[in-house]
Amino acid sequence: MTPTIRIQREPFDLAAEAAKLADGRTDVGAVVTFTGRCRGEEGGQPIVALTLEHYPGMVEREITSHVEEAMRRWPLLGITVVHRYGRLQPGEEIVLVATASAHRQAAFAAAEFLMDYLKTRAPFWKQVESSTGRDWVDAKQIDDAAAERWRFPYQETEK
């Protein structure tokens, strides 16, 4: 399996990306997708836009390392990660994580693992634009705690 990892400014087609993971395959029993979207508020305050910046090259290497870790932990048949950067308006899609496996448990766990690590380890910086100005968003302890739970090998149990 060759995972798909893209960092791009342009919007992505969620349905098309998810379909690519299973089209023409009979071994895929589950495709799980997560799509992160730009909210219209941050910290309870309305926002105008969100700007995501990244370190080209570094972000792809970091995401690749976590995708490879997911492939070691779970019996996956496909992975797609698409992350946008640039100025995004409320309602626009930011990130897609899609995983395919023979069984739902592996696909769900791998997607959650990848999102937890994307949120905390991928070198993206987020700036929120509101009517009063622009502010960089600090990392959140709750996100770090979510990623921390994956430090020890996760044991997959098939039913």
N, C-alpha and C. Protein backbone atom coordinates (compact mmCIF):
# COMPACT_ATOMS: atom_id res chain seq x y z
N MET A 1 0.84 -1.18 0.00
CA MET A 1 0.00 0.00 0.00
C MET A 1 0.88 1.24 0.00
N THR A 2 0.55 2.18 -0.86
CA THR A 2 1.23 3.47 -0.88
C THR A 2 0.25 4.52 -0.40
N PRO A 3 0.50 5.11 0.76
CA PRO A 3 -0.42 6.14 1.27
C PRO A 3 -0.35 7.41 0.42
N THR A 4 -1.41 8.18 0.48
CA THR A 4 -1.47 9.48 -0.17
C THR A 4 -1.33 10.56 0.89
N ILE A 5 -0.36 11.45 0.71
CA ILE A 5 -0.16 12.57 1.64
C ILE A 5 0.03 13.81 0.77
N ARG A 6 -0.86 14.79 0.97
CA ARG A 6 -0.76 16.03 0.20
C ARG A 6 -0.95 17.23 1.11
N ILE A 7 -0.13 18.24 0.88
CA ILE A 7 -0.25 19.52 1.55
C ILE A 7 -0.55 20.52 0.43
N GLN A 8 -1.68 21.21 0.53
CA GLN A 8 -2.11 22.03 -0.61
C GLN A 8 -2.94 23.22 -0.16
N ARG A 9 -2.98 24.24 -1.02
CA ARG A 9 -3.85 25.41 -0.79
C ARG A 9 -5.28 25.13 -1.21
N GLU A 10 -5.45 24.35 -2.28
CA GLU A 10 -6.75 24.15 -2.91
C GLU A 10 -7.67 23.29 -2.06
N PRO A 11 -8.98 23.51 -2.23
CA PRO A 11 -9.95 22.61 -1.59
C PRO A 11 -9.78 21.19 -2.13
N PHE A 12 -10.27 20.21 -1.37
CA PHE A 12 -10.23 18.82 -1.80
C PHE A 12 -11.66 18.30 -1.89
N ASP A 13 -11.83 17.22 -2.63
CA ASP A 13 -13.13 16.59 -2.80
C ASP A 13 -13.19 15.38 -1.88
N LEU A 14 -13.85 15.54 -0.76
CA LEU A 14 -13.93 14.50 0.26
C LEU A 14 -14.45 13.18 -0.31
N ALA A 15 -15.54 13.23 -1.05
CA ALA A 15 -16.13 11.99 -1.58
C ALA A 15 -15.18 11.30 -2.55
N ALA A 16 -14.54 12.06 -3.40
CA ALA A 16 -13.61 11.47 -4.38
C ALA A 16 -12.40 10.85 -3.68
N GLU A 17 -11.87 11.53 -2.68
CA GLU A 17 -10.71 11.01 -1.96
C GLU A 17 -11.07 9.71 -1.24
N ALA A 18 -12.23 9.67 -0.59
CA ALA A 18 -12.65 8.46 0.13
C ALA A 18 -12.91 7.31 -0.86
N ALA A 19 -13.53 7.63 -1.98
CA ALA A 19 -13.84 6.59 -2.97
C ALA A 19 -12.58 5.94 -3.53
N LYS A 20 -11.52 6.71 -3.70
CA LYS A 20 -10.26 6.17 -4.23
C LYS A 20 -9.71 5.02 -3.37
N LEU A 21 -10.00 5.06 -2.08
CA LEU A 21 -9.47 4.04 -1.18
C LEU A 21 -10.11 2.66 -1.39
N ALA A 22 -11.33 2.63 -1.90
CA ALA A 22 -12.03 1.36 -2.01
C ALA A 22 -12.44 0.98 -3.43
N ASP A 23 -12.34 1.90 -4.38
CA ASP A 23 -12.79 1.62 -5.75
C ASP A 23 -12.10 0.39 -6.32
N GLY A 24 -12.93 -0.55 -6.78
CA GLY A 24 -12.42 -1.76 -7.42
C GLY A 24 -11.81 -2.77 -6.47
N ARG A 25 -11.97 -2.58 -5.19
CA ARG A 25 -11.37 -3.49 -4.21
C ARG A 25 -12.46 -4.24 -3.47
N THR A 26 -12.22 -5.52 -3.23
CA THR A 26 -13.17 -6.31 -2.46
C THR A 26 -12.62 -6.66 -1.07
N ASP A 27 -11.37 -6.27 -0.80
CA ASP A 27 -10.78 -6.55 0.50
C ASP A 27 -11.05 -5.45 1.52
N VAL A 28 -11.53 -4.30 1.07
CA VAL A 28 -11.82 -3.18 1.96
C VAL A 28 -13.23 -3.33 2.51
N GLY A 29 -13.33 -3.48 3.82
CA GLY A 29 -14.62 -3.59 4.48
C GLY A 29 -15.03 -2.32 5.19
N ALA A 30 -14.08 -1.40 5.36
CA ALA A 30 -14.37 -0.16 6.08
C ALA A 30 -13.50 0.97 5.55
N VAL A 31 -14.14 2.10 5.34
CA VAL A 31 -13.43 3.35 5.05
C VAL A 31 -13.93 4.36 6.06
N VAL A 32 -13.01 4.90 6.85
CA VAL A 32 -13.35 5.91 7.85
C VAL A 32 -12.73 7.23 7.41
N THR A 33 -13.55 8.28 7.46
CA THR A 33 -13.03 9.61 7.11
C THR A 33 -13.27 10.58 8.26
N PHE A 34 -12.32 11.48 8.41
CA PHE A 34 -12.48 12.61 9.31
C PHE A 34 -12.15 13.85 8.50
N THR A 35 -13.03 14.84 8.57
CA THR A 35 -12.78 16.10 7.90
C THR A 35 -12.85 17.20 8.94
N GLY A 36 -11.76 17.95 9.07
CA GLY A 36 -11.72 19.10 9.96
C GLY A 36 -12.09 20.34 9.16
N ARG A 37 -12.94 21.17 9.74
CA ARG A 37 -13.43 22.37 9.06
C ARG A 37 -13.11 23.61 9.88
N CYS A 38 -13.03 24.72 9.22
CA CYS A 38 -12.80 26.01 9.87
C CYS A 38 -14.10 26.45 10.55
N ARG A 39 -14.05 26.60 11.86
CA ARG A 39 -15.21 27.08 12.61
C ARG A 39 -15.36 28.59 12.43
N GLY A 40 -16.51 29.09 12.74
CA GLY A 40 -16.78 30.52 12.66
C GLY A 40 -16.49 31.24 13.96
N GLU A 41 -15.93 30.52 14.92
CA GLU A 41 -15.56 31.15 16.20
C GLU A 41 -14.33 30.47 16.78
N GLU A 42 -13.61 31.21 17.56
CA GLU A 42 -12.44 30.67 18.27
C GLU A 42 -12.47 31.27 19.66
N GLY A 43 -12.48 30.41 20.66
CA GLY A 43 -12.54 30.88 22.03
C GLY A 43 -13.80 31.67 22.33
N GLY A 44 -14.90 31.31 21.65
CA GLY A 44 -16.17 31.98 21.88
C GLY A 44 -16.34 33.29 21.12
N GLN A 45 -15.35 33.69 20.36
CA GLN A 45 -15.41 34.94 19.60
C GLN A 45 -15.54 34.66 18.11
N PRO A 46 -16.37 35.42 17.39
CA PRO A 46 -16.49 35.20 15.95
C PRO A 46 -15.16 35.47 15.24
N ILE A 47 -14.89 34.71 14.19
CA ILE A 47 -13.67 34.94 13.42
C ILE A 47 -14.03 35.23 11.96
N VAL A 48 -13.11 35.91 11.29
CA VAL A 48 -13.25 36.24 9.87
C VAL A 48 -12.58 35.16 9.03
N ALA A 49 -11.41 34.71 9.50
CA ALA A 49 -10.65 33.72 8.75
C ALA A 49 -9.62 33.06 9.66
N LEU A 50 -9.07 31.99 9.15
CA LEU A 50 -8.01 31.24 9.82
C LEU A 50 -6.89 31.10 8.80
N THR A 51 -5.67 31.43 9.19
CA THR A 51 -4.54 31.25 8.28
C THR A 51 -3.64 30.18 8.85
N LEU A 52 -3.36 29.17 8.03
CA LEU A 52 -2.47 28.08 8.41
C LEU A 52 -1.17 28.22 7.65
N GLU A 53 -0.07 28.24 8.37
CA GLU A 53 1.25 28.26 7.76
C GLU A 53 1.94 26.95 8.11
N HIS A 54 2.91 26.58 7.29
CA HIS A 54 3.63 25.32 7.53
C HIS A 54 5.06 25.46 7.06
N TYR A 55 5.85 24.49 7.43
CA TYR A 55 7.25 24.43 7.02
C TYR A 55 7.33 23.36 5.93
N PRO A 56 7.39 23.78 4.64
CA PRO A 56 7.41 22.79 3.55
C PRO A 56 8.57 21.81 3.70
N GLY A 57 8.28 20.58 3.37
CA GLY A 57 9.28 19.51 3.50
C GLY A 57 9.22 18.89 4.87
N MET A 58 9.29 19.69 5.90
CA MET A 58 9.23 19.19 7.27
C MET A 58 7.85 18.61 7.57
N VAL A 59 6.81 19.30 7.16
CA VAL A 59 5.46 18.84 7.47
C VAL A 59 5.18 17.49 6.78
N GLU A 60 5.63 17.34 5.55
CA GLU A 60 5.42 16.07 4.85
C GLU A 60 6.18 14.93 5.54
N ARG A 61 7.41 15.20 5.98
CA ARG A 61 8.20 14.17 6.68
C ARG A 61 7.53 13.77 8.00
N GLU A 62 7.04 14.76 8.71
CA GLU A 62 6.39 14.48 10.00
C GLU A 62 5.11 13.66 9.80
N ILE A 63 4.30 14.05 8.85
CA ILE A 63 3.06 13.31 8.59
C ILE A 63 3.38 11.90 8.11
N THR A 64 4.36 11.77 7.23
CA THR A 64 4.77 10.45 6.74
C THR A 64 5.18 9.54 7.88
N SER A 65 5.92 10.06 8.86
CA SER A 65 6.36 9.21 9.97
C SER A 65 5.17 8.69 10.76
N HIS A 66 4.14 9.50 10.93
CA HIS A 66 2.97 9.04 11.68
C HIS A 66 2.09 8.10 10.85
N VAL A 67 2.03 8.33 9.55
CA VAL A 67 1.32 7.40 8.67
C VAL A 67 2.01 6.03 8.72
N GLU A 68 3.34 6.02 8.66
CA GLU A 68 4.07 4.76 8.75
C GLU A 68 3.83 4.06 10.08
N GLU A 69 3.75 4.83 11.15
CA GLU A 69 3.44 4.26 12.46
C GLU A 69 2.05 3.65 12.47
N ALA A 70 1.07 4.32 11.88
CA ALA A 70 -0.29 3.77 11.80
C ALA A 70 -0.29 2.46 11.01
N MET A 71 0.49 2.40 9.95
CA MET A 71 0.55 1.18 9.14
C MET A 71 1.19 0.03 9.92
N ARG A 72 2.10 0.33 10.84
CA ARG A 72 2.70 -0.72 11.68
C ARG A 72 1.72 -1.21 12.74
N ARG A 73 0.90 -0.30 13.26
CA ARG A 73 0.00 -0.64 14.36
C ARG A 73 -1.27 -1.35 13.93
N TRP A 74 -1.80 -1.01 12.77
CA TRP A 74 -3.09 -1.55 12.35
C TRP A 74 -3.00 -2.16 10.95
N PRO A 75 -3.85 -3.15 10.67
CA PRO A 75 -3.86 -3.79 9.34
C PRO A 75 -4.63 -2.94 8.34
N LEU A 76 -3.99 -1.91 7.86
CA LEU A 76 -4.63 -0.95 6.96
C LEU A 76 -4.42 -1.32 5.50
N LEU A 77 -5.38 -0.98 4.69
CA LEU A 77 -5.31 -1.23 3.25
C LEU A 77 -5.18 0.07 2.46
N GLY A 78 -5.34 1.20 3.13
CA GLY A 78 -5.19 2.49 2.47
C GLY A 78 -5.24 3.63 3.47
N ILE A 79 -4.50 4.70 3.17
CA ILE A 79 -4.50 5.91 4.00
C ILE A 79 -4.39 7.10 3.07
N THR A 80 -5.20 8.11 3.34
CA THR A 80 -5.09 9.40 2.66
C THR A 80 -5.09 10.50 3.71
N VAL A 81 -4.12 11.39 3.62
CA VAL A 81 -4.07 12.59 4.47
C VAL A 81 -3.90 13.78 3.53
N VAL A 82 -4.85 14.70 3.59
CA VAL A 82 -4.76 15.94 2.82
C VAL A 82 -4.92 17.08 3.83
N HIS A 83 -3.95 17.99 3.84
CA HIS A 83 -4.00 19.12 4.77
C HIS A 83 -3.81 20.40 3.97
N ARG A 84 -4.70 21.33 4.19
CA ARG A 84 -4.62 22.61 3.49
C ARG A 84 -3.82 23.62 4.30
N TYR A 85 -3.33 24.63 3.61
CA TYR A 85 -2.68 25.76 4.25
C TYR A 85 -3.15 27.02 3.54
N GLY A 86 -2.81 28.16 4.13
CA GLY A 86 -3.25 29.43 3.56
C GLY A 86 -4.42 30.00 4.35
N ARG A 87 -5.07 30.98 3.78
CA ARG A 87 -6.19 31.66 4.44
C ARG A 87 -7.49 30.92 4.12
N LEU A 88 -8.15 30.48 5.19
CA LEU A 88 -9.40 29.72 5.07
C LEU A 88 -10.51 30.46 5.79
N GLN A 89 -11.68 30.41 5.21
CA GLN A 89 -12.84 31.09 5.80
C GLN A 89 -13.71 30.09 6.53
N PRO A 90 -14.52 30.55 7.49
CA PRO A 90 -15.41 29.64 8.21
C PRO A 90 -16.23 28.79 7.24
N GLY A 91 -16.31 27.50 7.56
CA GLY A 91 -17.04 26.56 6.73
C GLY A 91 -16.17 25.80 5.75
N GLU A 92 -14.97 26.30 5.47
CA GLU A 92 -14.08 25.60 4.54
C GLU A 92 -13.41 24.41 5.23
N GLU A 93 -13.13 23.38 4.42
CA GLU A 93 -12.45 22.20 4.94
C GLU A 93 -10.96 22.46 5.05
N ILE A 94 -10.37 21.96 6.15
CA ILE A 94 -8.95 22.14 6.43
C ILE A 94 -8.17 20.86 6.20
N VAL A 95 -8.67 19.77 6.76
CA VAL A 95 -7.90 18.52 6.76
C VAL A 95 -8.82 17.32 6.51
N LEU A 96 -8.26 16.34 5.83
CA LEU A 96 -8.94 15.07 5.62
C LEU A 96 -7.99 13.95 6.03
N VAL A 97 -8.50 13.05 6.85
CA VAL A 97 -7.81 11.79 7.15
C VAL A 97 -8.79 10.69 6.78
N ALA A 98 -8.37 9.80 5.89
CA ALA A 98 -9.20 8.68 5.49
C ALA A 98 -8.37 7.40 5.61
N THR A 99 -8.96 6.39 6.22
CA THR A 99 -8.27 5.11 6.40
C THR A 99 -9.18 3.99 5.91
N ALA A 100 -8.55 2.97 5.34
CA ALA A 100 -9.29 1.82 4.85
C ALA A 100 -8.68 0.55 5.45
N SER A 101 -9.57 -0.38 5.79
CA SER A 101 -9.14 -1.64 6.37
C SER A 101 -10.22 -2.68 6.07
N ALA A 102 -9.90 -3.92 6.35
CA ALA A 102 -10.89 -4.97 6.20
C ALA A 102 -11.99 -4.84 7.25
N HIS A 103 -11.64 -4.27 8.41
CA HIS A 103 -12.58 -4.17 9.53
C HIS A 103 -12.61 -2.75 10.09
N ARG A 104 -13.75 -2.36 10.62
CA ARG A 104 -13.95 -0.98 11.08
C ARG A 104 -13.05 -0.58 12.25
N GLN A 105 -12.76 -1.50 13.17
CA GLN A 105 -11.99 -1.13 14.35
C GLN A 105 -10.63 -0.54 13.96
N ALA A 106 -9.94 -1.18 13.07
CA ALA A 106 -8.62 -0.70 12.65
C ALA A 106 -8.74 0.64 11.94
N ALA A 107 -9.74 0.78 11.08
CA ALA A 107 -9.90 2.03 10.33
C ALA A 107 -10.22 3.18 11.28
N PHE A 108 -11.12 2.97 12.25
CA PHE A 108 -11.45 4.02 13.21
C PHE A 108 -10.24 4.39 14.07
N ALA A 109 -9.57 3.39 14.62
CA ALA A 109 -8.44 3.66 15.51
C ALA A 109 -7.32 4.40 14.77
N ALA A 110 -7.00 3.96 13.57
CA ALA A 110 -5.92 4.60 12.82
C ALA A 110 -6.27 6.05 12.47
N ALA A 111 -7.51 6.31 12.09
CA ALA A 111 -7.92 7.68 11.77
C ALA A 111 -7.81 8.58 13.00
N GLU A 112 -8.25 8.08 14.13
CA GLU A 112 -8.18 8.86 15.37
C GLU A 112 -6.72 9.11 15.77
N PHE A 113 -5.90 8.09 15.68
CA PHE A 113 -4.47 8.22 15.96
C PHE A 113 -3.84 9.30 15.08
N LEU A 114 -4.11 9.23 13.79
CA LEU A 114 -3.51 10.20 12.86
C LEU A 114 -3.98 11.63 13.16
N MET A 115 -5.25 11.81 13.44
CA MET A 115 -5.73 13.17 13.75
C MET A 115 -5.12 13.70 15.04
N ASP A 116 -5.02 12.84 16.04
CA ASP A 116 -4.41 13.30 17.30
C ASP A 116 -2.98 13.76 17.07
N TYR A 117 -2.24 13.04 16.25
CA TYR A 117 -0.86 13.44 15.98
C TYR A 117 -0.76 14.63 15.03
N LEU A 118 -1.65 14.72 14.06
CA LEU A 118 -1.66 15.90 13.19
C LEU A 118 -1.91 17.16 14.00
N LYS A 119 -2.82 17.08 14.92
CA LYS A 119 -3.20 18.23 15.74
C LYS A 119 -2.05 18.71 16.63
N THR A 120 -1.19 17.78 17.05
CA THR A 120 -0.16 18.15 18.04
C THR A 120 1.26 18.13 17.53
N ARG A 121 1.55 17.37 16.49
CA ARG A 121 2.95 17.19 16.07
C ARG A 121 3.28 17.76 14.69
N ALA A 122 2.30 17.86 13.81
CA ALA A 122 2.59 18.37 12.46
C ALA A 122 2.92 19.86 12.56
N PRO A 123 3.99 20.29 11.90
CA PRO A 123 4.42 21.69 12.02
C PRO A 123 3.56 22.66 11.20
N PHE A 124 2.36 22.90 11.73
CA PHE A 124 1.46 23.93 11.20
C PHE A 124 1.28 24.98 12.28
N TRP A 125 1.14 26.23 11.85
CA TRP A 125 0.88 27.32 12.77
C TRP A 125 -0.42 27.97 12.36
N LYS A 126 -1.25 28.26 13.37
CA LYS A 126 -2.60 28.76 13.11
C LYS A 126 -2.74 30.18 13.63
N GLN A 127 -3.19 31.06 12.74
CA GLN A 127 -3.46 32.45 13.11
C GLN A 127 -4.95 32.74 12.87
N VAL A 128 -5.59 33.28 13.88
CA VAL A 128 -7.02 33.60 13.80
C VAL A 128 -7.17 35.08 13.53
N GLU A 129 -8.01 35.39 12.56
CA GLU A 129 -8.31 36.77 12.20
C GLU A 129 -9.74 37.08 12.65
N SER A 130 -9.87 38.12 13.47
CA SER A 130 -11.19 38.54 13.92
C SER A 130 -11.36 40.03 13.59
N SER A 131 -12.48 40.59 13.98
CA SER A 131 -12.72 42.00 13.72
C SER A 131 -11.78 42.90 14.51
N THR A 132 -11.14 42.34 15.53
CA THR A 132 -10.24 43.14 16.37
C THR A 132 -8.77 42.94 16.05
N GLY A 133 -8.45 42.05 15.11
CA GLY A 133 -7.04 41.83 14.76
C GLY A 133 -6.74 40.37 14.50
N ARG A 134 -5.43 40.07 14.60
CA ARG A 134 -4.96 38.70 14.34
C ARG A 134 -4.17 38.20 15.54
N ASP A 135 -4.38 36.92 15.86
CA ASP A 135 -3.67 36.29 16.98
C ASP A 135 -3.25 34.88 16.60
N TRP A 136 -2.03 34.50 17.01
CA TRP A 136 -1.57 33.13 16.83
C TRP A 136 -2.21 32.28 17.90
N VAL A 137 -2.59 31.07 17.54
CA VAL A 137 -3.26 30.15 18.47
C VAL A 137 -2.23 29.25 19.11
N ASP A 138 -2.26 29.19 20.44
CA ASP A 138 -1.35 28.32 21.19
C ASP A 138 -1.86 26.87 21.17
N ALA A 139 -0.92 25.95 21.36
CA ALA A 139 -1.27 24.54 21.48
C ALA A 139 -2.17 24.38 22.71
N LYS A 140 -3.03 23.37 22.67
CA LYS A 140 -3.96 23.13 23.77
C LYS A 140 -3.57 21.85 24.50
N GLN A 141 -3.60 21.92 25.81
CA GLN A 141 -3.24 20.78 26.63
C GLN A 141 -4.13 19.57 26.36
N ILE A 142 -5.40 19.81 26.07
CA ILE A 142 -6.32 18.70 25.80
C ILE A 142 -5.90 17.93 24.55
N ASP A 143 -5.35 18.64 23.55
CA ASP A 143 -4.88 17.97 22.33
C ASP A 143 -3.63 17.15 22.63
N ASP A 144 -2.73 17.70 23.44
CA ASP A 144 -1.52 16.96 23.82
C ASP A 144 -1.89 15.69 24.59
N ALA A 145 -2.87 15.78 25.48
CA ALA A 145 -3.30 14.61 26.25
C ALA A 145 -3.90 13.55 25.33
N ALA A 146 -4.64 13.97 24.31
CA ALA A 146 -5.22 13.00 23.38
C ALA A 146 -4.12 12.25 22.63
N ALA A 147 -3.08 12.95 22.21
CA ALA A 147 -1.99 12.30 21.49
C ALA A 147 -1.16 11.42 22.42
N GLU A 148 -1.03 11.82 23.65
CA GLU A 148 -0.22 11.08 24.62
C GLU A 148 -0.73 9.66 24.84
N ARG A 149 -2.01 9.45 24.74
CA ARG A 149 -2.57 8.11 25.00
C ARG A 149 -2.11 7.08 24.00
N TRP A 150 -1.57 7.53 22.84
CA TRP A 150 -1.10 6.59 21.81
C TRP A 150 0.36 6.20 21.99
N ARG A 151 1.02 6.71 23.03
CA ARG A 151 2.45 6.42 23.20
C ARG A 151 2.75 4.95 23.34
N PHE A 152 1.87 4.22 23.99
CA PHE A 152 2.09 2.79 24.17
C PHE A 152 1.38 2.04 23.04
N PRO A 153 1.95 0.96 22.58
CA PRO A 153 1.33 0.25 21.46
C PRO A 153 -0.13 -0.10 21.73
N TYR A 154 -0.94 0.23 20.78
CA TYR A 154 -2.38 -0.04 20.83
C TYR A 154 -2.61 -1.47 20.34
N GLN A 155 -3.38 -2.22 21.05
CA GLN A 155 -3.67 -3.60 20.65
C GLN A 155 -5.04 -3.63 19.96
N GLU A 156 -5.03 -4.02 18.71
CA GLU A 156 -6.27 -4.13 17.94
C GLU A 156 -6.95 -5.44 18.27
N THR A 157 -8.23 -5.40 18.50
CA THR A 157 -9.00 -6.63 18.70
C THR A 157 -10.09 -6.67 17.66
N GLU A 158 -10.09 -7.69 16.86
CA GLU A 158 -11.12 -7.88 15.82
C GLU A 158 -12.24 -8.70 16.40
N LYS A 159 -13.44 -8.37 16.00
CA LYS A 159 -14.62 -9.12 16.47
C LYS A 159 -15.22 -9.89 15.34
